[in-house]
Amino acid sequence: MSPSGDIAAQQSQLIVVSTLLMLLIVVPVLALTVWFAWRYRKGNTKATYTPDWDHSTQLELVIWGAPLLIIIALGLITWISTHKLDPYRPLDRLDAQRPIAAGTKPLIVQVVALDWKWLFIYPEQGIATINELVAPIDVPVRFQITASTVMNSFYVPALAGQIYAMPGMQTTLNAVINKVGQYEGFSANYSGAGFSGMRFKFHGRTAAQFEQWVAQTKAGGGALDRAGYLVLEQPSERDPVRRYGTVAADLYDAIVNRCVDLNAVCIKDMMADDKARATDTHAHSANLAAPRAGQVVARLANSTASAEVCVTPLNSRKAQNARPY
């Protein structure tokens, strides 16, 4: 409820509007509960006693009409916001007053949930960090999110809603940070013993500050390759911030396909092999079916030419009692 990014701001407004709409029903009901208890208390002779009353059209319209209108309004808001705030949908504005210029390229950040730390890879900058996320303000950011072993949830409340991180899969979040500052990021999905310490700092910086940070990270040295990642993914708790000046270009793809170890078979290769085998099997079956069909037709033709066809009389008892299958 304290947003610093446009997506979080829209989500905050959605919560407020939805709550106010529901309070339009909740507040009158609670108020009427107290009023009825007071008005029809024992000893109050001013209240009208009507034991035979059982219906009021006006009251029925209010009781059913008001909630129905609220539900329609909430349904409309939900439909619009579900599509507008789809995390996979590319951003079309920086905030309510500033649209994104055509052709603007988002910053790509690849997020990997490890046990129990966060790995952030900047493929275009060629750097990576542990438990430190930095992005320039007023620049669209596209997060590509996965996990190493178990399911986690990537969440920076000031930026946008939580998005699940799952091994062997990639989820996406498009967001933008509008204010310079330091924000809290963490996993919102329990993932084992080190879950409580699985936190990181998200820094919103100006474009110049971001470029300076990238240059410092590159100058700091350190390389993250496949062998280094296999060591890094081992479970550890409350890891300090680490930076890598270079990162293997194919590392993230190998993480998603679970084949960082060169002896492992990539998921995408397994799927391609399965598809190729299925295609070959289908083609082979079709090739076998064609001559067999021709043989059956030929046999039928030969049998018809050389033998009489027996026909059971329709009036036979067997034909009458026969059941169609």
Protein backbone atom coordinates (compact mmCIF):
# COMPACT_ATOMS: atom_id res chain seq x y z
CA MET A 1 0.00 0.00 0.00
CA SER A 2 3.05 2.24 -0.34
CA PRO A 3 3.81 1.90 -4.06
CA SER A 4 6.83 3.31 -5.86
CA GLY A 5 6.10 1.75 -9.24
CA ASP A 6 3.16 2.19 -11.60
CA ILE A 7 1.99 -1.44 -11.44
CA ALA A 8 2.00 -1.39 -7.64
CA ALA A 9 0.16 1.95 -7.69
CA GLN A 10 -2.58 0.50 -9.90
CA GLN A 11 -2.85 -2.55 -7.66
CA SER A 12 -3.12 -0.29 -4.62
CA GLN A 13 -5.94 1.67 -6.27
CA LEU A 14 -7.69 -1.58 -7.13
CA ILE A 15 -7.60 -2.70 -3.49
CA VAL A 16 -8.96 0.65 -2.29
CA VAL A 17 -11.79 0.78 -4.84
CA SER A 18 -12.79 -2.86 -4.19
CA THR A 19 -12.78 -2.28 -0.42
CA LEU A 20 -14.93 0.85 -0.70
CA LEU A 21 -17.44 -0.93 -2.93
CA MET A 22 -17.77 -3.77 -0.44
CA LEU A 23 -18.11 -1.32 2.46
CA LEU A 24 -21.18 0.11 0.73
CA ILE A 25 -22.90 -3.12 1.79
CA VAL A 26 -21.00 -3.99 4.96
CA VAL A 27 -21.37 -0.63 6.75
CA PRO A 28 -25.18 -0.32 6.31
CA VAL A 29 -25.68 -3.95 7.40
CA LEU A 30 -23.64 -3.46 10.58
CA ALA A 31 -25.36 -0.13 11.29
CA LEU A 32 -28.81 -1.63 10.78
CA THR A 33 -27.93 -4.55 13.05
CA VAL A 34 -27.24 -2.15 15.92
CA TRP A 35 -30.28 0.00 15.05
CA PHE A 36 -32.68 -2.98 14.98
CA ALA A 37 -31.35 -4.29 18.28
CA TRP A 38 -31.86 -0.88 19.87
CA ARG A 39 -35.25 -0.06 18.32
CA TYR A 40 -36.85 -3.41 19.04
CA ARG A 41 -35.39 -3.90 22.47
CA LYS A 42 -37.62 -5.10 25.26
CA GLY A 43 -39.68 -2.32 26.81
CA ASN A 44 -39.59 0.08 23.85
CA THR A 45 -43.25 0.94 23.29
CA LYS A 46 -42.52 3.28 20.35
CA ALA A 47 -41.58 0.43 18.00
CA THR A 48 -44.46 -0.88 15.91
CA TYR A 49 -45.35 -4.50 16.67
CA THR A 50 -46.42 -6.30 13.46
CA PRO A 51 -46.15 -10.07 13.98
CA ASP A 52 -48.05 -10.87 10.76
CA TRP A 53 -45.78 -8.82 8.45
CA ASP A 54 -43.97 -11.00 5.91
CA HIS A 55 -43.23 -9.05 2.69
CA SER A 56 -42.17 -5.68 1.32
CA THR A 57 -41.42 -5.20 -2.37
CA GLN A 58 -39.39 -2.06 -1.72
CA LEU A 59 -37.28 -3.86 0.91
CA GLU A 60 -36.73 -6.86 -1.39
CA LEU A 61 -35.49 -4.54 -4.16
CA VAL A 62 -32.97 -2.95 -1.79
CA ILE A 63 -31.83 -6.25 -0.28
CA TRP A 64 -31.22 -7.91 -3.64
CA GLY A 65 -30.63 -4.95 -5.92
CA ALA A 66 -27.82 -3.24 -4.01
CA PRO A 67 -25.58 -6.35 -3.69
CA LEU A 68 -26.26 -7.23 -7.32
CA LEU A 69 -25.06 -3.81 -8.48
CA ILE A 70 -21.96 -4.11 -6.30
CA ILE A 71 -21.17 -7.55 -7.74
CA ILE A 72 -21.60 -6.24 -11.28
CA ALA A 73 -19.25 -3.34 -10.54
CA LEU A 74 -16.66 -5.63 -8.93
CA GLY A 75 -16.92 -8.07 -11.82
CA LEU A 76 -16.34 -5.30 -14.35
CA ILE A 77 -13.35 -3.95 -12.41
CA THR A 78 -11.93 -7.46 -12.05
CA TRP A 79 -12.27 -8.17 -15.78
CA ILE A 80 -10.58 -4.92 -16.79
CA SER A 81 -7.78 -5.07 -14.21
CA THR A 82 -7.06 -8.76 -14.86
CA HIS A 83 -6.15 -7.95 -18.47
CA LYS A 84 -4.63 -4.55 -17.80
CA LEU A 85 -2.35 -5.80 -15.00
CA ASP A 86 -1.42 -9.10 -16.64
CA PRO A 87 2.26 -9.53 -15.67
CA TYR A 88 3.05 -10.91 -19.12
CA ARG A 89 1.62 -7.86 -20.87
CA PRO A 90 4.26 -5.33 -22.02
CA LEU A 91 3.88 -1.95 -20.34
CA ASP A 92 2.23 0.90 -22.24
CA ARG A 93 2.92 3.67 -19.72
CA LEU A 94 5.42 4.79 -17.12
CA ASP A 95 2.69 6.24 -14.93
CA ALA A 96 -0.77 7.75 -15.31
CA GLN A 97 0.61 10.88 -17.03
CA ARG A 98 3.41 9.43 -19.16
CA PRO A 99 2.96 6.83 -21.91
CA ILE A 100 5.91 4.77 -23.08
CA ALA A 101 7.34 5.94 -26.37
CA ALA A 102 7.04 3.55 -29.30
CA GLY A 103 10.11 1.39 -29.78
CA THR A 104 11.27 1.66 -26.16
CA LYS A 105 13.30 -1.42 -25.28
CA PRO A 106 12.83 -2.84 -21.76
CA LEU A 107 15.68 -3.77 -19.47
CA ILE A 108 15.90 -7.58 -19.26
CA VAL A 109 16.64 -9.09 -15.85
CA GLN A 110 16.78 -12.87 -15.45
CA VAL A 111 15.81 -13.96 -11.95
CA VAL A 112 16.75 -17.34 -10.46
CA ALA A 113 15.43 -18.42 -7.06
CA LEU A 114 18.10 -20.55 -5.39
CA ASP A 115 18.22 -22.23 -1.98
CA TRP A 116 18.09 -19.74 -0.23
CA LYS A 117 19.24 -16.71 -2.17
CA TRP A 118 18.45 -14.79 -5.33
CA LEU A 119 20.52 -14.70 -8.50
CA PHE A 120 19.97 -11.79 -10.89
CA ILE A 121 21.47 -11.95 -14.38
CA TYR A 122 21.64 -8.92 -16.68
CA PRO A 123 22.17 -10.57 -20.10
CA GLU A 124 22.53 -7.34 -22.07
CA GLN A 125 25.04 -5.90 -19.59
CA GLY A 126 26.83 -9.24 -19.13
CA ILE A 127 26.82 -9.11 -15.32
CA ALA A 128 25.15 -10.96 -12.43
CA THR A 129 24.53 -10.39 -8.73
CA ILE A 130 23.51 -12.30 -5.64
CA ASN A 131 20.83 -10.72 -3.40
CA GLU A 132 21.10 -7.31 -5.07
CA LEU A 133 18.73 -6.00 -7.72
CA VAL A 134 19.24 -2.61 -9.36
CA ALA A 135 17.09 -0.94 -12.02
CA PRO A 136 16.89 2.58 -13.46
CA ILE A 137 13.76 4.60 -12.72
CA ASP A 138 11.19 5.24 -15.46
CA VAL A 139 12.55 2.40 -17.59
CA PRO A 140 10.38 -0.67 -18.33
CA VAL A 141 11.86 -3.81 -16.80
CA ARG A 142 11.06 -7.33 -17.99
CA PHE A 143 11.82 -9.96 -15.39
CA GLN A 144 12.28 -13.52 -16.65
CA ILE A 145 11.85 -15.72 -13.59
CA THR A 146 12.73 -19.34 -12.82
CA ALA A 147 13.97 -21.46 -9.92
CA SER A 148 16.72 -23.99 -9.37
CA THR A 149 15.01 -26.75 -7.36
CA VAL A 150 11.75 -25.84 -5.59
CA MET A 151 8.97 -23.33 -6.18
CA ASN A 152 9.44 -19.82 -4.83
CA SER A 153 7.77 -16.45 -5.28
CA PHE A 154 9.51 -13.27 -6.44
CA TYR A 155 8.02 -10.27 -4.65
CA VAL A 156 8.92 -6.59 -4.35
CA PRO A 157 5.76 -5.01 -2.86
CA ALA A 158 6.68 -1.45 -3.85
CA LEU A 159 7.20 -2.56 -7.47
CA ALA A 160 4.45 -5.06 -8.38
CA GLY A 161 2.65 -8.19 -7.23
CA GLN A 162 4.31 -11.51 -6.53
CA ILE A 163 5.16 -13.88 -9.37
CA TYR A 164 5.96 -17.55 -8.88
CA ALA A 165 9.40 -18.94 -9.70
CA MET A 166 9.29 -22.61 -10.75
CA PRO A 167 12.05 -25.01 -11.82
CA GLY A 168 12.02 -26.03 -15.47
CA MET A 169 9.70 -23.14 -16.33
CA GLN A 170 9.90 -19.40 -16.96
CA THR A 171 7.40 -16.83 -15.76
CA THR A 172 7.43 -13.15 -16.72
CA LEU A 173 6.81 -9.86 -14.96
CA ASN A 174 6.74 -6.46 -16.68
CA ALA A 175 7.09 -3.55 -14.26
CA VAL A 176 8.63 -0.12 -13.76
CA ILE A 177 10.03 1.72 -10.74
CA ASN A 178 9.28 5.45 -10.63
CA LYS A 179 11.09 6.63 -7.50
CA VAL A 180 14.74 6.54 -6.48
CA GLY A 181 15.13 4.51 -3.32
CA GLN A 182 15.87 1.20 -1.67
CA TYR A 183 13.08 -1.35 -1.39
CA GLU A 184 12.59 -4.72 0.22
CA GLY A 185 12.40 -7.87 -1.90
CA PHE A 186 11.80 -11.41 -0.70
CA SER A 187 10.28 -14.80 -1.40
CA ALA A 188 6.57 -15.01 -0.57
CA ASN A 189 6.41 -18.80 -0.88
CA TYR A 190 7.83 -21.09 1.82
CA SER A 191 10.72 -23.11 0.45
CA GLY A 192 12.51 -24.69 3.37
CA ALA A 193 14.82 -23.99 6.27
CA GLY A 194 16.43 -20.81 4.92
CA PHE A 195 13.20 -19.23 3.69
CA SER A 196 13.07 -16.46 6.30
CA GLY A 197 16.48 -15.13 5.23
CA MET A 198 15.74 -15.27 1.50
CA ARG A 199 15.63 -11.50 1.08
CA PHE A 200 17.31 -8.93 -1.15
CA LYS A 201 17.50 -5.18 -1.66
CA PHE A 202 15.97 -3.61 -4.74
CA HIS A 203 17.54 -0.27 -5.66
CA GLY A 204 15.80 2.24 -7.90
CA ARG A 205 18.39 4.59 -9.38
CA THR A 206 18.69 7.24 -12.04
CA ALA A 207 19.92 6.20 -15.48
CA ALA A 208 23.37 7.67 -14.79
CA GLN A 209 23.61 5.92 -11.41
CA PHE A 210 22.57 2.62 -12.99
CA GLU A 211 25.25 2.87 -15.69
CA GLN A 212 27.82 3.71 -13.03
CA TRP A 213 26.78 0.64 -11.02
CA VAL A 214 27.08 -1.57 -14.11
CA ALA A 215 30.58 -0.22 -14.79
CA GLN A 216 31.64 -0.81 -11.17
CA THR A 217 30.28 -4.36 -11.26
CA LYS A 218 32.19 -5.14 -14.44
CA ALA A 219 35.36 -3.61 -13.04
CA GLY A 220 35.01 -5.64 -9.85
CA GLY A 221 35.77 -8.84 -11.72
CA GLY A 222 34.53 -12.29 -10.98
CA ALA A 223 33.03 -14.68 -13.52
CA LEU A 224 29.92 -16.83 -13.26
CA ASP A 225 30.06 -19.84 -15.53
CA ARG A 226 28.41 -23.26 -15.41
CA ALA A 227 30.93 -24.70 -12.96
CA GLY A 228 30.57 -21.69 -10.69
CA TYR A 229 26.79 -21.93 -10.80
CA LEU A 230 26.84 -25.59 -9.75
CA VAL A 231 28.70 -24.52 -6.63
CA LEU A 232 26.49 -21.46 -6.13
CA GLU A 233 23.22 -23.41 -6.25
CA GLN A 234 24.13 -25.46 -3.21
CA PRO A 235 21.87 -24.52 -0.25
CA SER A 236 23.14 -21.67 1.91
CA GLU A 237 21.50 -19.11 4.18
CA ARG A 238 21.69 -15.32 4.52
CA ASP A 239 24.30 -14.89 1.80
CA PRO A 240 25.92 -11.45 1.46
CA VAL A 241 25.70 -9.44 -1.75
CA ARG A 242 28.02 -10.75 -4.45
CA ARG A 243 28.68 -9.40 -7.94
CA TYR A 244 30.04 -11.00 -11.10
CA GLY A 245 31.70 -8.90 -13.79
CA THR A 246 31.03 -11.50 -16.46
CA VAL A 247 28.44 -14.26 -16.87
CA ALA A 248 28.13 -17.11 -19.35
CA ALA A 249 25.73 -16.12 -22.12
CA ASP A 250 23.92 -19.48 -22.12
CA LEU A 251 23.74 -19.92 -18.35
CA TYR A 252 20.13 -18.83 -17.82
CA ASP A 253 18.87 -20.98 -20.70
CA ALA A 254 20.71 -23.96 -19.20
CA ILE A 255 19.16 -23.23 -15.78
CA VAL A 256 15.63 -23.15 -17.20
CA ASN A 257 16.25 -26.37 -19.14
CA ARG A 258 17.93 -27.98 -16.11
CA CYS A 259 21.12 -28.89 -17.92
CA VAL A 260 23.80 -26.70 -16.38
CA ASP A 261 25.71 -29.92 -15.78
CA LEU A 262 27.08 -30.85 -19.20
CA ASN A 263 26.23 -34.50 -18.53
CA ALA A 264 22.52 -33.69 -18.20
CA VAL A 265 20.10 -33.65 -21.11
CA CYS A 266 18.29 -30.34 -21.62
CA ILE A 267 14.50 -30.36 -21.30
CA LYS A 268 14.12 -28.65 -24.67
CA ASP A 269 16.26 -31.33 -26.32
CA MET A 270 14.22 -34.09 -24.68
CA MET A 271 11.01 -32.48 -25.94
CA ALA A 272 12.46 -32.09 -29.44
CA ASP A 273 13.50 -35.76 -29.47
CA ASP A 274 10.04 -36.84 -28.28
CA LYS A 275 8.40 -34.76 -31.00
CA ALA A 276 10.72 -36.20 -33.65
CA ARG A 277 10.00 -39.77 -32.48
CA ALA A 278 6.26 -39.11 -32.50
CA THR A 279 6.47 -37.69 -36.03
CA ASP A 280 8.55 -40.63 -37.25
CA THR A 281 6.16 -43.14 -35.65
CA HIS A 282 3.15 -41.48 -37.24
CA ALA A 283 4.80 -41.43 -40.66
CA HIS A 284 5.88 -45.07 -40.31
CA SER A 285 2.36 -46.14 -39.31
CA ALA A 286 0.90 -44.29 -42.29
CA ASN A 287 3.37 -46.00 -44.64
CA LEU A 288 2.46 -49.42 -43.24
CA ALA A 289 -1.27 -48.71 -43.36
CA ALA A 290 -1.29 -47.86 -47.08
CA PRO A 291 -0.13 -51.27 -48.45
CA ARG A 292 -2.22 -53.12 -45.86
CA ALA A 293 -5.32 -51.25 -46.97
CA GLY A 294 -4.52 -52.13 -50.57
CA GLN A 295 -4.08 -55.80 -49.63
CA VAL A 296 -7.46 -55.88 -47.86
CA VAL A 297 -9.21 -54.35 -50.88
CA ALA A 298 -7.52 -56.84 -53.19
CA ARG A 299 -8.49 -59.79 -51.00
CA LEU A 300 -12.09 -58.65 -50.85
CA ALA A 301 -12.18 -58.31 -54.62
CA ASN A 302 -10.72 -61.77 -55.11
CA SER A 303 -13.05 -63.40 -52.58
CA THR A 304 -16.09 -61.75 -54.15
CA ALA A 305 -15.11 -62.96 -57.57
CA SER A 306 -14.47 -66.56 -56.49
CA ALA A 307 -17.17 -67.20 -53.85
CA GLU A 308 -20.82 -66.58 -53.30
CA VAL A 309 -21.95 -64.17 -50.63
CA CYS A 310 -24.27 -65.70 -48.04
CA VAL A 311 -27.23 -63.57 -46.97
CA THR A 312 -29.34 -64.47 -43.94
CA PRO A 313 -33.08 -64.24 -44.67
CA LEU A 314 -34.70 -61.29 -42.94
CA ASN A 315 -37.52 -63.47 -41.60
CA SER A 316 -35.22 -65.85 -39.80
CA ARG A 317 -35.55 -66.05 -36.02
CA LYS A 318 -31.86 -65.39 -35.55
CA ALA A 319 -32.01 -62.20 -37.58
CA GLN A 320 -35.06 -61.02 -35.69
CA ASN A 321 -33.41 -61.61 -32.32
CA ALA A 322 -30.05 -60.19 -33.32
CA ARG A 323 -28.92 -57.10 -31.42
CA PRO A 324 -27.09 -54.33 -33.24
CA TYR A 325 -23.65 -53.53 -31.88
